[in-house]
C-alpha atoms as a PDB file:
ATOM      1  CA  MET A   1      -5.696 -19.733 -11.473  1.00  0.00           C
ATOM      2  CA  LEU A   2      -4.538 -17.056 -13.866  1.00  0.00           C
ATOM      3  CA  SER A   3      -7.454 -17.612 -16.099  1.00  0.00           C
ATOM      4  CA  ASN A   4      -9.873 -16.113 -13.484  1.00  0.00           C
ATOM      5  CA  ILE A   5      -8.090 -12.719 -13.362  1.00  0.00           C
ATOM      6  CA  GLY A   6      -9.731 -11.112 -16.313  1.00  0.00           C
ATOM      7  CA  ILE A   7      -9.193  -7.623 -17.903  1.00  0.00           C
ATOM      8  CA  PRO A   8      -9.968  -5.518 -14.806  1.00  0.00           C
ATOM      9  CA  GLY A   9      -7.561  -7.594 -12.757  1.00  0.00           C
ATOM     10  CA  LEU A  10      -4.754  -7.203 -15.423  1.00  0.00           C
ATOM     11  CA  VAL A  11      -5.259  -3.397 -15.459  1.00  0.00           C
ATOM     12  CA  LEU A  12      -5.127  -3.269 -11.704  1.00  0.00           C
ATOM     13  CA  ILE A  13      -1.896  -5.388 -11.605  1.00  0.00           C
ATOM     14  CA  LEU A  14      -0.387  -2.945 -14.316  1.00  0.00           C
ATOM     15  CA  VAL A  15      -1.332   0.114 -12.362  1.00  0.00           C
ATOM     16  CA  ILE A  16       0.145  -1.310  -9.160  1.00  0.00           C
ATOM     17  CA  ALA A  17       3.359  -2.240 -10.954  1.00  0.00           C
ATOM     18  CA  LEU A  18       3.578   1.226 -12.519  1.00  0.00           C
ATOM     19  CA  VAL A  19       3.212   2.864  -9.087  1.00  0.00           C
ATOM     20  CA  ILE A  20       5.786   0.483  -7.317  1.00  0.00           C
ATOM     21  CA  PHE A  21       8.403   0.591 -10.163  1.00  0.00           C
ATOM     22  CA  GLY A  22       7.757   3.829 -11.943  1.00  0.00           C
ATOM     23  CA  PRO A  23       7.691   4.487 -15.763  1.00  0.00           C
ATOM     24  CA  LYS A  24      11.429   4.340 -16.352  1.00  0.00           C
ATOM     25  CA  LYS A  25      11.868   0.803 -14.789  1.00  0.00           C
ATOM     26  CA  LEU A  26       8.808  -0.979 -16.317  1.00  0.00           C
ATOM     27  CA  PRO A  27      10.374  -1.506 -19.829  1.00  0.00           C
ATOM     28  CA  GLU A  28      13.566  -2.845 -18.270  1.00  0.00           C
ATOM     29  CA  ILE A  29      11.612  -5.279 -16.104  1.00  0.00           C
ATOM     30  CA  GLY A  30       9.495  -6.328 -19.087  1.00  0.00           C
ATOM     31  CA  ARG A  31      12.635  -6.885 -21.145  1.00  0.00           C
ATOM     32  CA  ALA A  32      14.254  -8.974 -18.309  1.00  0.00           C
ATOM     33  CA  MET A  33      11.034 -11.067 -17.852  1.00  0.00           C
ATOM     34  CA  GLY A  34      11.007 -11.684 -21.751  1.00  0.00           C
ATOM     35  CA  GLN A  35      14.747 -12.715 -21.764  1.00  0.00           C
ATOM     36  CA  THR A  36      14.033 -15.118 -18.785  1.00  0.00           C
ATOM     37  CA  LEU A  37      10.891 -16.563 -20.529  1.00  0.00           C
ATOM     38  CA  LYS A  38      12.924 -17.047 -23.765  1.00  0.00           C
ATOM     39  CA  GLU A  39      15.775 -18.797 -22.015  1.00  0.00           C
ATOM     40  CA  PHE A  40      13.237 -21.001 -20.063  1.00  0.00           C
ATOM     41  CA  LYS A  41      11.627 -22.092 -23.333  1.00  0.00           C
ATOM     42  CA  LYS A  42      14.981 -22.772 -24.843  1.00  0.00           C
ATOM     43  CA  SER A  43      16.056 -24.876 -22.022  1.00  0.00           C
ATOM     44  CA  THR A  44      12.803 -26.782 -21.945  1.00  0.00           C
ATOM     45  CA  LYS A  45      13.036 -27.454 -25.778  1.00  0.00           C
ATOM     46  CA  ASP A  46      16.683 -28.635 -25.486  1.00  0.00           C
ATOM     47  CA  LEU A  47      15.620 -30.913 -22.633  1.00  0.00           C
ATOM     48  CA  THR A  48      12.679 -32.528 -24.508  1.00  0.00           C
ATOM     49  CA  ASN A  49      14.777 -33.002 -27.587  1.00  0.00           C
ATOM     50  CA  GLU A  50      17.477 -34.750 -25.564  1.00  0.00           C
ATOM     51  CA  PHE A  51      14.961 -37.076 -24.275  1.00  0.00           C
ATOM     52  CA  ASP A  52      13.360 -37.738 -27.637  1.00  0.00           C
ATOM     53  CA  ASP A  53      16.849 -38.464 -29.165  1.00  0.00           C
ATOM     54  CA  ASP A  54      17.606 -40.958 -26.234  1.00  0.00           C
ATOM     55  CA  ASP A  55      14.258 -42.613 -26.824  1.00  0.00           C
ATOM     56  CA  GLN A  56      14.831 -42.960 -30.535  1.00  0.00           C
ATOM     57  CA  LYS A  57      18.279 -44.342 -29.808  1.00  0.00           C
ATOM     58  CA  SER A  58      17.029 -46.925 -27.358  1.00  0.00           C
ATOM     59  CA  LYS A  59      14.143 -48.009 -29.851  1.00  0.00           C
ATOM     60  CA  SER A  60      16.746 -48.308 -32.648  1.00  0.00           C
ATOM     61  CA  ALA A  61      18.923 -50.452 -30.322  1.00  0.00           C
ATOM     62  CA  THR A  62      16.054 -52.628 -29.310  1.00  0.00           C
ATOM     63  CA  LYS A  63      14.983 -53.268 -33.027  1.00  0.00           C
ATOM     64  CA  THR A  64      18.501 -54.237 -33.797  1.00  0.00           C
ATOM     65  CA  GLU A  65      18.843 -56.598 -31.027  1.00  0.00           C
ATOM     66  CA  GLU A  66      15.468 -58.264 -32.003  1.00  0.00           C
ATOM     67  CA  LYS A  67      16.743 -58.545 -35.549  1.00  0.00           C
ATOM     68  CA  ASN A  68      19.998 -60.256 -34.455  1.00  0.00           C
ATOM     69  CA  HIS A  69      18.032 -62.554 -32.077  1.00  0.00           C
ATOM     70  CA  ASN A  70      15.634 -63.684 -34.717  1.00  0.00           C
ATOM     71  CA  SER A  71      18.406 -64.425 -37.403  1.00  0.00           C
END
C-alpha cells in the first residue's frame, strides 16, 4: 500500500502536515514518532528473543528425554 505513494505523494503529505501542525510542532511530532518506533522495535525484538529461548529450552529438554529413554 505505502509503496505506491511515490515522491510526489510524500511531498504532498509533508506539506499538509506542515500546514496542519506548523513548523514548531513538526520536530516534536517527528521525535515522538521516532521514540514510539524505537520502543516498538525493542519490544518486538524482546518478544522474539523470548520465544527463541523457550524454543531452545524445549529442544534441549526433548534431546535429554530421548537420550535418557534410549539408555
